[in-house]
Amino acid sequence: MPDAVLPHARPVPLDKAYRLINHGPTVLVSASHGGQVNAMAAAWACALDFSPPKVTVVLDKSTRTRELVEASGVFVLSLPTVAQAQLTVALGTDSAKQVPDKLARLGVQTVPAPGSGAPLVPGCVAWLVCRVVPEPHNQQAYDLFIGEVTDAWADERVFHDGRWFFDQAPDDLRTLHHVAGGQFFAIGRAVNGLPAD
């Protein structure tokens, strides 16, 4: 996706898309419908399947983003960075139902994904466009949404050749991992668990 707003974004093969969130990062969930766009932070998102790639995310019934996901059948998971910690807290704290111009106030201008037009949040290090796999019982009883990944991109400075390379990138490009109350850990250093040759 050669674009001035997302200059380092490169396509990720769908068979490697699960690797983008397999390390448990906090995500920004965004969606659009009927001219409305919103984004919120979510800590409960994970990979579910490889082929086709699927993810899960918990979206509370009270959120505007969930309404947009249900109306459009599409959502995006964007992976924010250490540099976006305050923005991530604000997107997770402020509700678009109480603050309708939330994104404008926070200075967030989403970028339409090629093909689907789904809203990508700039400044992140990965983006997964997902089509909702309808599971009405799970959605109503547990607020749990399943999405099939239809497109994926990652920042080539930290993800290429199907792997993360956080050790070789600036610390502000590391992903966030929510603990509680607005506190995060950044992804740490790589540890090779394979036996030595």
N, C-alpha and C. Protein backbone atom coordinates (compact mmCIF):
# COMPACT_ATOMS: atom_id res chain seq x y z
N MET A 1 0.85 -1.18 0.00
CA MET A 1 0.00 0.00 0.00
C MET A 1 0.89 1.23 0.00
N PRO A 2 1.45 1.61 -1.13
CA PRO A 2 2.30 2.79 -1.17
C PRO A 2 1.46 4.04 -0.98
N ASP A 3 1.57 4.64 0.16
CA ASP A 3 0.72 5.78 0.49
C ASP A 3 1.52 6.71 1.40
N ALA A 4 1.37 8.00 1.22
CA ALA A 4 2.11 8.95 2.04
C ALA A 4 1.75 8.85 3.51
N VAL A 5 0.51 8.42 3.81
CA VAL A 5 0.08 8.33 5.20
C VAL A 5 0.58 7.04 5.85
N LEU A 6 0.70 5.97 5.09
CA LEU A 6 1.19 4.69 5.60
C LEU A 6 2.39 4.25 4.75
N PRO A 7 3.49 5.00 4.83
CA PRO A 7 4.59 4.76 3.89
C PRO A 7 5.31 3.44 4.07
N HIS A 8 5.25 2.85 5.24
CA HIS A 8 5.99 1.60 5.49
C HIS A 8 5.10 0.36 5.46
N ALA A 9 3.82 0.54 5.13
CA ALA A 9 2.88 -0.60 5.11
C ALA A 9 3.12 -1.46 3.88
N ARG A 10 3.24 -2.75 4.12
CA ARG A 10 3.41 -3.71 3.03
C ARG A 10 2.44 -4.87 3.24
N PRO A 11 1.94 -5.46 2.17
CA PRO A 11 1.00 -6.58 2.31
C PRO A 11 1.64 -7.75 3.05
N VAL A 12 0.80 -8.43 3.82
CA VAL A 12 1.22 -9.65 4.53
C VAL A 12 0.41 -10.80 3.93
N PRO A 13 1.07 -11.87 3.49
CA PRO A 13 0.31 -13.02 2.96
C PRO A 13 -0.68 -13.52 4.02
N LEU A 14 -1.87 -13.87 3.58
CA LEU A 14 -2.91 -14.27 4.54
C LEU A 14 -2.52 -15.48 5.36
N ASP A 15 -1.68 -16.36 4.83
CA ASP A 15 -1.28 -17.52 5.64
C ASP A 15 -0.32 -17.14 6.77
N LYS A 16 0.14 -15.89 6.78
CA LYS A 16 0.99 -15.39 7.87
C LYS A 16 0.27 -14.34 8.71
N ALA A 17 -0.97 -14.02 8.37
CA ALA A 17 -1.70 -12.94 9.05
C ALA A 17 -1.88 -13.20 10.54
N TYR A 18 -2.06 -14.45 10.95
CA TYR A 18 -2.25 -14.75 12.38
C TYR A 18 -1.05 -14.30 13.20
N ARG A 19 0.12 -14.27 12.59
CA ARG A 19 1.33 -13.89 13.31
C ARG A 19 1.32 -12.42 13.74
N LEU A 20 0.49 -11.63 13.08
CA LEU A 20 0.42 -10.21 13.44
C LEU A 20 -0.14 -10.00 14.83
N ILE A 21 -1.05 -10.87 15.28
CA ILE A 21 -1.61 -10.68 16.63
C ILE A 21 -1.36 -11.86 17.56
N ASN A 22 -0.57 -12.82 17.13
CA ASN A 22 -0.33 -14.00 17.94
C ASN A 22 0.42 -13.69 19.24
N HIS A 23 1.08 -12.55 19.32
CA HIS A 23 1.84 -12.18 20.52
C HIS A 23 1.00 -11.39 21.53
N GLY A 24 -0.30 -11.29 21.31
CA GLY A 24 -1.21 -10.74 22.30
C GLY A 24 -1.23 -9.24 22.47
N PRO A 25 -1.08 -8.45 21.40
CA PRO A 25 -1.07 -7.00 21.57
C PRO A 25 -2.47 -6.42 21.79
N THR A 26 -2.49 -5.24 22.37
CA THR A 26 -3.70 -4.43 22.40
C THR A 26 -3.97 -3.99 20.97
N VAL A 27 -5.23 -3.90 20.59
CA VAL A 27 -5.59 -3.50 19.23
C VAL A 27 -6.52 -2.31 19.26
N LEU A 28 -6.58 -1.62 18.14
CA LEU A 28 -7.61 -0.61 17.92
C LEU A 28 -8.58 -1.22 16.93
N VAL A 29 -9.85 -1.26 17.30
CA VAL A 29 -10.89 -1.81 16.43
C VAL A 29 -11.58 -0.64 15.77
N SER A 30 -11.62 -0.66 14.44
CA SER A 30 -12.29 0.43 13.73
C SER A 30 -13.30 -0.15 12.75
N ALA A 31 -14.30 0.66 12.47
CA ALA A 31 -15.36 0.25 11.54
C ALA A 31 -16.04 1.50 11.01
N SER A 32 -16.74 1.32 9.89
CA SER A 32 -17.49 2.44 9.31
C SER A 32 -18.77 1.92 8.69
N HIS A 33 -19.78 2.79 8.68
CA HIS A 33 -21.05 2.48 8.04
C HIS A 33 -21.85 3.76 7.93
N GLY A 34 -22.49 3.94 6.78
CA GLY A 34 -23.38 5.09 6.59
C GLY A 34 -22.70 6.43 6.82
N GLY A 35 -21.43 6.54 6.46
CA GLY A 35 -20.72 7.81 6.62
C GLY A 35 -20.14 8.02 7.99
N GLN A 36 -20.38 7.11 8.93
CA GLN A 36 -19.81 7.22 10.27
C GLN A 36 -18.60 6.31 10.39
N VAL A 37 -17.58 6.79 11.09
CA VAL A 37 -16.36 6.02 11.34
C VAL A 37 -16.06 6.11 12.82
N ASN A 38 -15.62 5.01 13.41
CA ASN A 38 -15.21 5.05 14.81
C ASN A 38 -14.09 4.06 15.04
N ALA A 39 -13.38 4.26 16.14
CA ALA A 39 -12.32 3.34 16.56
C ALA A 39 -12.32 3.28 18.07
N MET A 40 -11.99 2.13 18.60
CA MET A 40 -11.90 1.93 20.04
C MET A 40 -10.73 0.99 20.33
N ALA A 41 -10.23 1.03 21.56
CA ALA A 41 -9.17 0.11 21.97
C ALA A 41 -9.80 -1.16 22.52
N ALA A 42 -9.11 -2.27 22.31
CA ALA A 42 -9.57 -3.56 22.84
C ALA A 42 -8.34 -4.40 23.22
N ALA A 43 -8.39 -4.97 24.40
CA ALA A 43 -7.29 -5.82 24.86
C ALA A 43 -7.59 -7.29 24.60
N TRP A 44 -8.84 -7.63 24.37
CA TRP A 44 -9.23 -9.03 24.22
C TRP A 44 -9.44 -9.35 22.75
N ALA A 45 -8.33 -9.56 22.05
CA ALA A 45 -8.34 -9.96 20.65
C ALA A 45 -7.25 -11.02 20.47
N CYS A 46 -7.54 -12.01 19.64
CA CYS A 46 -6.52 -13.04 19.42
C CYS A 46 -6.75 -13.77 18.10
N ALA A 47 -5.70 -14.49 17.69
CA ALA A 47 -5.80 -15.34 16.50
C ALA A 47 -6.66 -16.55 16.84
N LEU A 48 -7.43 -17.01 15.85
CA LEU A 48 -8.31 -18.15 16.06
C LEU A 48 -8.01 -19.30 15.12
N ASP A 49 -7.66 -19.01 13.88
CA ASP A 49 -7.48 -20.07 12.89
C ASP A 49 -6.48 -19.62 11.84
N PHE A 50 -5.93 -20.60 11.11
CA PHE A 50 -4.91 -20.32 10.10
C PHE A 50 -5.46 -20.18 8.69
N SER A 51 -6.34 -21.12 8.29
CA SER A 51 -6.74 -21.18 6.89
C SER A 51 -8.22 -21.50 6.77
N PRO A 52 -9.06 -20.54 6.43
CA PRO A 52 -8.68 -19.15 6.26
C PRO A 52 -8.36 -18.51 7.61
N PRO A 53 -7.53 -17.47 7.62
CA PRO A 53 -7.17 -16.86 8.90
C PRO A 53 -8.37 -16.20 9.56
N LYS A 54 -8.51 -16.45 10.86
CA LYS A 54 -9.61 -15.86 11.62
C LYS A 54 -9.08 -15.29 12.93
N VAL A 55 -9.79 -14.30 13.45
CA VAL A 55 -9.46 -13.67 14.72
C VAL A 55 -10.74 -13.57 15.55
N THR A 56 -10.56 -13.32 16.83
CA THR A 56 -11.69 -13.00 17.69
C THR A 56 -11.42 -11.67 18.38
N VAL A 57 -12.49 -10.98 18.73
CA VAL A 57 -12.38 -9.74 19.49
C VAL A 57 -13.66 -9.56 20.29
N VAL A 58 -13.53 -9.04 21.50
CA VAL A 58 -14.69 -8.77 22.36
C VAL A 58 -15.07 -7.30 22.20
N LEU A 59 -16.34 -7.06 21.82
CA LEU A 59 -16.86 -5.71 21.61
C LEU A 59 -18.12 -5.53 22.44
N ASP A 60 -18.04 -4.71 23.46
CA ASP A 60 -19.16 -4.50 24.36
C ASP A 60 -20.37 -3.93 23.62
N LYS A 61 -21.55 -4.33 24.06
CA LYS A 61 -22.80 -3.89 23.44
C LYS A 61 -23.00 -2.39 23.50
N SER A 62 -22.36 -1.73 24.44
CA SER A 62 -22.59 -0.29 24.62
C SER A 62 -21.76 0.58 23.69
N THR A 63 -20.92 -0.01 22.85
CA THR A 63 -20.01 0.80 22.04
C THR A 63 -20.57 1.14 20.66
N ARG A 64 -20.20 2.32 20.18
CA ARG A 64 -20.58 2.74 18.83
C ARG A 64 -19.85 1.88 17.79
N THR A 65 -18.62 1.52 18.09
CA THR A 65 -17.86 0.70 17.14
C THR A 65 -18.59 -0.61 16.88
N ARG A 66 -19.11 -1.22 17.94
CA ARG A 66 -19.84 -2.48 17.74
C ARG A 66 -21.05 -2.27 16.82
N GLU A 67 -21.76 -1.17 17.01
CA GLU A 67 -22.91 -0.89 16.14
C GLU A 67 -22.47 -0.81 14.69
N LEU A 68 -21.34 -0.17 14.44
CA LEU A 68 -20.83 -0.04 13.07
C LEU A 68 -20.38 -1.38 12.51
N VAL A 69 -19.78 -2.21 13.37
CA VAL A 69 -19.36 -3.56 12.94
C VAL A 69 -20.59 -4.38 12.57
N GLU A 70 -21.62 -4.33 13.41
CA GLU A 70 -22.83 -5.11 13.14
C GLU A 70 -23.52 -4.62 11.87
N ALA A 71 -23.50 -3.32 11.62
CA ALA A 71 -24.17 -2.78 10.44
C ALA A 71 -23.39 -3.06 9.15
N SER A 72 -22.06 -3.01 9.23
CA SER A 72 -21.24 -3.15 8.02
C SER A 72 -20.77 -4.57 7.77
N GLY A 73 -20.64 -5.36 8.84
CA GLY A 73 -20.11 -6.71 8.70
C GLY A 73 -18.61 -6.76 8.50
N VAL A 74 -17.94 -5.63 8.75
CA VAL A 74 -16.49 -5.54 8.55
C VAL A 74 -15.87 -4.76 9.70
N PHE A 75 -14.67 -5.18 10.13
CA PHE A 75 -13.92 -4.40 11.10
C PHE A 75 -12.44 -4.52 10.80
N VAL A 76 -11.67 -3.60 11.36
CA VAL A 76 -10.22 -3.59 11.21
C VAL A 76 -9.60 -3.70 12.59
N LEU A 77 -8.57 -4.53 12.71
CA LEU A 77 -7.73 -4.54 13.91
C LEU A 77 -6.42 -3.86 13.52
N SER A 78 -6.12 -2.75 14.17
CA SER A 78 -4.86 -2.04 13.97
C SER A 78 -4.04 -2.20 15.24
N LEU A 79 -2.73 -2.40 15.10
CA LEU A 79 -1.86 -2.61 16.26
C LEU A 79 -1.12 -1.33 16.60
N PRO A 80 -1.53 -0.66 17.69
CA PRO A 80 -0.87 0.59 18.07
C PRO A 80 0.51 0.33 18.69
N THR A 81 1.28 1.40 18.76
CA THR A 81 2.65 1.32 19.24
C THR A 81 2.83 2.07 20.55
N VAL A 82 4.03 1.94 21.10
CA VAL A 82 4.39 2.67 22.32
C VAL A 82 4.15 4.16 22.12
N ALA A 83 4.47 4.66 20.94
CA ALA A 83 4.27 6.08 20.65
C ALA A 83 2.79 6.48 20.69
N GLN A 84 1.89 5.49 20.62
CA GLN A 84 0.45 5.77 20.61
C GLN A 84 -0.24 5.36 21.91
N ALA A 85 0.51 5.21 22.98
CA ALA A 85 -0.08 4.75 24.24
C ALA A 85 -1.19 5.69 24.72
N GLN A 86 -0.95 6.99 24.72
CA GLN A 86 -1.97 7.93 25.20
C GLN A 86 -3.19 7.91 24.29
N LEU A 87 -2.97 7.84 22.99
CA LEU A 87 -4.08 7.76 22.05
C LEU A 87 -4.89 6.49 22.29
N THR A 88 -4.21 5.38 22.55
CA THR A 88 -4.89 4.11 22.79
C THR A 88 -5.78 4.19 24.02
N VAL A 89 -5.27 4.80 25.09
CA VAL A 89 -6.08 4.98 26.31
C VAL A 89 -7.28 5.86 26.00
N ALA A 90 -7.06 6.94 25.28
CA ALA A 90 -8.17 7.85 24.96
C ALA A 90 -9.22 7.17 24.10
N LEU A 91 -8.80 6.39 23.10
CA LEU A 91 -9.77 5.69 22.25
C LEU A 91 -10.53 4.62 23.04
N GLY A 92 -9.92 4.09 24.09
CA GLY A 92 -10.59 3.10 24.92
C GLY A 92 -11.43 3.69 26.03
N THR A 93 -11.21 4.97 26.32
CA THR A 93 -11.91 5.63 27.43
C THR A 93 -13.09 6.46 26.95
N ASP A 94 -12.85 7.28 25.92
CA ASP A 94 -13.90 8.15 25.40
C ASP A 94 -14.86 7.34 24.53
N SER A 95 -16.14 7.52 24.76
CA SER A 95 -17.16 6.83 23.96
C SER A 95 -17.70 7.77 22.89
N ALA A 96 -17.81 7.27 21.68
CA ALA A 96 -18.38 8.08 20.60
C ALA A 96 -19.87 8.36 20.84
N LYS A 97 -20.49 7.61 21.74
CA LYS A 97 -21.89 7.89 22.06
C LYS A 97 -22.01 9.17 22.88
N GLN A 98 -21.01 9.43 23.73
CA GLN A 98 -21.00 10.67 24.52
C GLN A 98 -20.20 11.77 23.82
N VAL A 99 -19.20 11.38 23.04
CA VAL A 99 -18.34 12.34 22.34
C VAL A 99 -18.37 11.98 20.85
N PRO A 100 -19.41 12.40 20.13
CA PRO A 100 -19.58 11.98 18.73
C PRO A 100 -18.40 12.32 17.82
N ASP A 101 -17.67 13.41 18.15
CA ASP A 101 -16.54 13.80 17.31
C ASP A 101 -15.22 13.32 17.93
N LYS A 102 -15.27 12.18 18.60
CA LYS A 102 -14.12 11.62 19.31
C LYS A 102 -12.87 11.56 18.44
N LEU A 103 -12.97 11.00 17.25
CA LEU A 103 -11.79 10.85 16.40
C LEU A 103 -11.22 12.21 16.01
N ALA A 104 -12.07 13.16 15.67
CA ALA A 104 -11.59 14.50 15.31
C ALA A 104 -10.89 15.16 16.48
N ARG A 105 -11.47 15.05 17.66
CA ARG A 105 -10.87 15.65 18.86
C ARG A 105 -9.50 15.05 19.15
N LEU A 106 -9.34 13.77 18.86
CA LEU A 106 -8.07 13.09 19.13
C LEU A 106 -7.11 13.19 17.95
N GLY A 107 -7.53 13.82 16.87
CA GLY A 107 -6.66 14.00 15.72
C GLY A 107 -6.46 12.73 14.90
N VAL A 108 -7.44 11.81 14.95
CA VAL A 108 -7.33 10.56 14.21
C VAL A 108 -8.05 10.70 12.87
N GLN A 109 -7.30 10.57 11.79
CA GLN A 109 -7.87 10.55 10.45
C GLN A 109 -7.58 9.18 9.86
N THR A 110 -8.60 8.36 9.75
CA THR A 110 -8.40 7.02 9.23
C THR A 110 -8.11 7.04 7.74
N VAL A 111 -7.52 5.94 7.27
CA VAL A 111 -7.18 5.78 5.86
C VAL A 111 -7.99 4.61 5.32
N PRO A 112 -8.71 4.77 4.20
CA PRO A 112 -9.49 3.65 3.66
C PRO A 112 -8.58 2.57 3.10
N ALA A 113 -8.85 1.33 3.49
CA ALA A 113 -8.09 0.20 2.98
C ALA A 113 -8.39 -0.01 1.50
N PRO A 114 -7.37 -0.36 0.72
CA PRO A 114 -7.63 -0.67 -0.70
C PRO A 114 -8.65 -1.79 -0.82
N GLY A 115 -9.54 -1.64 -1.74
CA GLY A 115 -10.56 -2.67 -1.97
C GLY A 115 -11.79 -2.48 -1.12
N SER A 116 -11.67 -2.67 0.18
CA SER A 116 -12.85 -2.64 1.06
C SER A 116 -13.20 -1.25 1.54
N GLY A 117 -12.22 -0.35 1.62
CA GLY A 117 -12.48 0.97 2.17
C GLY A 117 -12.57 0.99 3.68
N ALA A 118 -12.34 -0.15 4.33
CA ALA A 118 -12.40 -0.22 5.79
C ALA A 118 -11.38 0.74 6.39
N PRO A 119 -11.70 1.38 7.53
CA PRO A 119 -10.84 2.43 8.08
C PRO A 119 -9.62 1.89 8.84
N LEU A 120 -8.43 2.21 8.32
CA LEU A 120 -7.17 1.85 8.97
C LEU A 120 -6.71 3.04 9.81
N VAL A 121 -6.15 2.77 10.98
CA VAL A 121 -5.64 3.84 11.86
C VAL A 121 -4.15 4.04 11.58
N PRO A 122 -3.76 5.21 11.08
CA PRO A 122 -2.35 5.47 10.79
C PRO A 122 -1.49 5.42 12.06
N GLY A 123 -0.19 5.20 11.86
CA GLY A 123 0.75 5.18 12.97
C GLY A 123 0.92 3.83 13.61
N CYS A 124 0.06 2.90 13.27
CA CYS A 124 0.14 1.55 13.83
C CYS A 124 1.19 0.74 13.07
N VAL A 125 1.47 -0.48 13.53
CA VAL A 125 2.48 -1.31 12.86
C VAL A 125 1.87 -2.49 12.13
N ALA A 126 0.58 -2.69 12.23
CA ALA A 126 -0.08 -3.76 11.47
C ALA A 126 -1.57 -3.46 11.41
N TRP A 127 -2.20 -4.01 10.35
CA TRP A 127 -3.62 -3.80 10.11
C TRP A 127 -4.21 -5.08 9.53
N LEU A 128 -5.32 -5.53 10.09
CA LEU A 128 -6.02 -6.71 9.58
C LEU A 128 -7.46 -6.32 9.29
N VAL A 129 -7.87 -6.41 8.05
CA VAL A 129 -9.26 -6.16 7.67
C VAL A 129 -9.99 -7.50 7.80
N CYS A 130 -11.12 -7.48 8.51
CA CYS A 130 -11.83 -8.72 8.83
C CYS A 130 -13.30 -8.64 8.45
N ARG A 131 -13.80 -9.71 7.87
CA ARG A 131 -15.23 -9.86 7.57
C ARG A 131 -15.84 -10.64 8.71
N VAL A 132 -16.92 -10.13 9.29
CA VAL A 132 -17.57 -10.81 10.41
C VAL A 132 -18.09 -12.17 9.97
N VAL A 133 -17.76 -13.19 10.76
CA VAL A 133 -18.32 -14.52 10.60
C VAL A 133 -19.50 -14.57 11.58
N PRO A 134 -20.73 -14.51 11.09
CA PRO A 134 -21.87 -14.39 12.00
C PRO A 134 -21.99 -15.57 12.97
N GLU A 135 -21.99 -15.23 14.25
CA GLU A 135 -22.21 -16.18 15.34
C GLU A 135 -23.11 -15.47 16.34
N PRO A 136 -24.42 -15.33 16.03
CA PRO A 136 -25.31 -14.50 16.86
C PRO A 136 -25.30 -14.85 18.34
N HIS A 137 -25.24 -16.14 18.66
CA HIS A 137 -25.25 -16.50 20.09
C HIS A 137 -24.01 -15.96 20.80
N ASN A 138 -22.83 -16.18 20.22
CA ASN A 138 -21.59 -15.69 20.85
C ASN A 138 -21.57 -14.17 20.94
N GLN A 139 -22.08 -13.50 19.89
CA GLN A 139 -22.09 -12.05 19.88
C GLN A 139 -23.00 -11.49 20.97
N GLN A 140 -24.17 -12.09 21.15
CA GLN A 140 -25.12 -11.59 22.14
C GLN A 140 -24.76 -12.02 23.56
N ALA A 141 -24.39 -13.28 23.73
CA ALA A 141 -24.13 -13.80 25.08
C ALA A 141 -22.77 -13.37 25.62
N TYR A 142 -21.76 -13.31 24.76
CA TYR A 142 -20.39 -13.08 25.23
C TYR A 142 -19.74 -11.85 24.62
N ASP A 143 -20.42 -11.10 23.77
CA ASP A 143 -19.83 -9.96 23.06
C ASP A 143 -18.64 -10.37 22.21
N LEU A 144 -18.58 -11.63 21.81
CA LEU A 144 -17.44 -12.19 21.09
C LEU A 144 -17.72 -12.22 19.59
N PHE A 145 -16.86 -11.55 18.83
CA PHE A 145 -16.98 -11.50 17.38
C PHE A 145 -15.85 -12.28 16.74
N ILE A 146 -16.19 -13.04 15.72
CA ILE A 146 -15.20 -13.76 14.93
C ILE A 146 -15.08 -13.04 13.60
N GLY A 147 -13.85 -12.83 13.16
CA GLY A 147 -13.63 -12.19 11.87
C GLY A 147 -12.69 -13.01 11.02
N GLU A 148 -13.03 -13.15 9.74
CA GLU A 148 -12.12 -13.78 8.80
C GLU A 148 -11.26 -12.68 8.18
N VAL A 149 -9.95 -12.84 8.26
CA VAL A 149 -9.03 -11.83 7.74
C VAL A 149 -9.06 -11.88 6.22
N THR A 150 -9.38 -10.75 5.60
CA THR A 150 -9.44 -10.68 4.14
C THR A 150 -8.25 -9.93 3.55
N ASP A 151 -7.63 -9.06 4.34
CA ASP A 151 -6.45 -8.32 3.91
C ASP A 151 -5.60 -8.02 5.14
N ALA A 152 -4.29 -7.97 4.95
CA ALA A 152 -3.40 -7.65 6.06
C ALA A 152 -2.18 -6.91 5.54
N TRP A 153 -1.73 -5.97 6.36
CA TRP A 153 -0.52 -5.21 6.08
C TRP A 153 0.26 -5.06 7.37
N ALA A 154 1.57 -4.83 7.23
CA ALA A 154 2.41 -4.56 8.40
C ALA A 154 3.49 -3.57 8.03
N ASP A 155 4.01 -2.90 9.04
CA ASP A 155 5.10 -1.96 8.86
C ASP A 155 6.38 -2.75 8.62
N GLU A 156 6.97 -2.56 7.47
CA GLU A 156 8.15 -3.35 7.07
C GLU A 156 9.35 -3.11 7.98
N ARG A 157 9.34 -2.05 8.77
CA ARG A 157 10.45 -1.80 9.69
C ARG A 157 10.46 -2.78 10.85
N VAL A 158 9.29 -3.37 11.15
CA VAL A 158 9.23 -4.31 12.28
C VAL A 158 8.66 -5.68 11.91
N PHE A 159 8.05 -5.83 10.72
CA PHE A 159 7.51 -7.12 10.31
C PHE A 159 7.82 -7.34 8.83
N HIS A 160 8.56 -8.40 8.57
CA HIS A 160 8.83 -8.79 7.18
C HIS A 160 9.24 -10.25 7.17
N ASP A 161 9.17 -10.85 6.01
CA ASP A 161 9.49 -12.27 5.86
C ASP A 161 8.68 -13.14 6.83
N GLY A 162 7.45 -12.70 7.14
CA GLY A 162 6.56 -13.48 7.99
C GLY A 162 6.91 -13.46 9.48
N ARG A 163 7.76 -12.51 9.90
CA ARG A 163 8.19 -12.47 11.30
C ARG A 163 8.28 -11.04 11.81
N TRP A 164 8.14 -10.90 13.15
CA TRP A 164 8.38 -9.62 13.81
C TRP A 164 9.87 -9.45 14.04
N PHE A 165 10.35 -8.21 13.93
CA PHE A 165 11.75 -7.87 14.18
C PHE A 165 11.81 -6.63 15.07
N PHE A 166 11.19 -6.70 16.25
CA PHE A 166 11.16 -5.56 17.15
C PHE A 166 12.55 -5.19 17.65
N ASP A 167 13.42 -6.18 17.84
CA ASP A 167 14.77 -5.90 18.36
C ASP A 167 15.57 -5.00 17.45
N GLN A 168 15.23 -4.96 16.18
CA GLN A 168 16.01 -4.19 15.21
C GLN A 168 15.36 -2.85 14.86
N ALA A 169 14.34 -2.47 15.59
CA ALA A 169 13.59 -1.24 15.28
C ALA A 169 13.59 -0.31 16.48
N PRO A 170 13.25 0.95 16.26
CA PRO A 170 13.14 1.89 17.39
C PRO A 170 12.11 1.40 18.41
N ASP A 171 12.40 1.69 19.69
CA ASP A 171 11.51 1.24 20.76
C ASP A 171 10.09 1.77 20.61
N ASP A 172 9.92 2.96 20.00
CA ASP A 172 8.57 3.51 19.90
C ASP A 172 7.70 2.77 18.89
N LEU A 173 8.28 1.82 18.14
CA LEU A 173 7.50 0.99 17.21
C LEU A 173 7.08 -0.34 17.84
N ARG A 174 7.38 -0.55 19.10
CA ARG A 174 6.97 -1.79 19.77
C ARG A 174 5.47 -1.75 20.06
N THR A 175 4.84 -2.93 20.05
CA THR A 175 3.40 -3.01 20.31
C THR A 175 3.12 -2.91 21.81
N LEU A 176 1.88 -2.55 22.13
CA LEU A 176 1.41 -2.39 23.50
C LEU A 176 0.67 -3.63 23.98
N HIS A 177 0.81 -3.92 25.29
CA HIS A 177 0.14 -5.06 25.89
C HIS A 177 -0.49 -4.58 27.20
N HIS A 178 -1.81 -4.49 27.21
CA HIS A 178 -2.54 -3.88 28.32
C HIS A 178 -2.52 -4.75 29.56
N VAL A 179 -2.26 -4.10 30.70
CA VAL A 179 -2.29 -4.79 31.99
C VAL A 179 -3.60 -4.44 32.70
N ALA A 180 -3.78 -3.16 33.01
CA ALA A 180 -5.02 -2.67 33.65
C ALA A 180 -4.87 -1.18 33.87
N GLY A 181 -6.01 -0.49 33.94
CA GLY A 181 -6.03 0.92 34.32
C GLY A 181 -5.12 1.82 33.50
N GLY A 182 -5.03 1.59 32.19
CA GLY A 182 -4.21 2.44 31.35
C GLY A 182 -2.73 2.12 31.39
N GLN A 183 -2.35 1.03 32.03
CA GLN A 183 -0.94 0.63 32.07
C GLN A 183 -0.70 -0.46 31.04
N PHE A 184 0.42 -0.33 30.33
CA PHE A 184 0.80 -1.29 29.30
C PHE A 184 2.22 -1.76 29.54
N PHE A 185 2.55 -2.89 28.97
CA PHE A 185 3.92 -3.29 28.76
C PHE A 185 4.17 -3.21 27.27
N ALA A 186 5.41 -2.90 26.89
CA ALA A 186 5.79 -2.96 25.49
C ALA A 186 6.34 -4.36 25.23
N ILE A 187 6.19 -4.83 23.99
CA ILE A 187 6.75 -6.13 23.64
C ILE A 187 8.24 -6.11 23.98
N GLY A 188 8.73 -7.20 24.51
CA GLY A 188 10.13 -7.27 24.96
C GLY A 188 11.07 -7.79 23.90
N ARG A 189 12.22 -8.22 24.35
CA ARG A 189 13.24 -8.71 23.43
C ARG A 189 12.92 -10.15 23.01
N ALA A 190 13.44 -10.52 21.88
CA ALA A 190 13.21 -11.88 21.34
C ALA A 190 14.02 -12.89 22.15
N VAL A 191 13.42 -14.06 22.36
CA VAL A 191 14.08 -15.18 23.01
C VAL A 191 13.89 -16.39 22.11
N ASN A 192 14.98 -17.03 21.72
CA ASN A 192 14.89 -18.21 20.86
C ASN A 192 14.78 -19.44 21.74
N GLY A 193 13.65 -20.13 21.65
CA GLY A 193 13.42 -21.32 22.46
C GLY A 193 13.83 -22.62 21.77
N LEU A 194 14.41 -22.51 20.56
CA LEU A 194 14.82 -23.70 19.83
C LEU A 194 16.16 -24.20 20.35
N PRO A 195 16.38 -25.51 20.33
CA PRO A 195 17.68 -26.02 20.78
C PRO A 195 18.80 -25.55 19.86
N ALA A 196 19.98 -25.33 20.44
CA ALA A 196 21.12 -24.89 19.65
C ALA A 196 21.59 -26.02 18.74
N ASP A 197 22.12 -25.66 17.59
CA ASP A 197 22.64 -26.66 16.66
C ASP A 197 23.93 -27.27 17.16
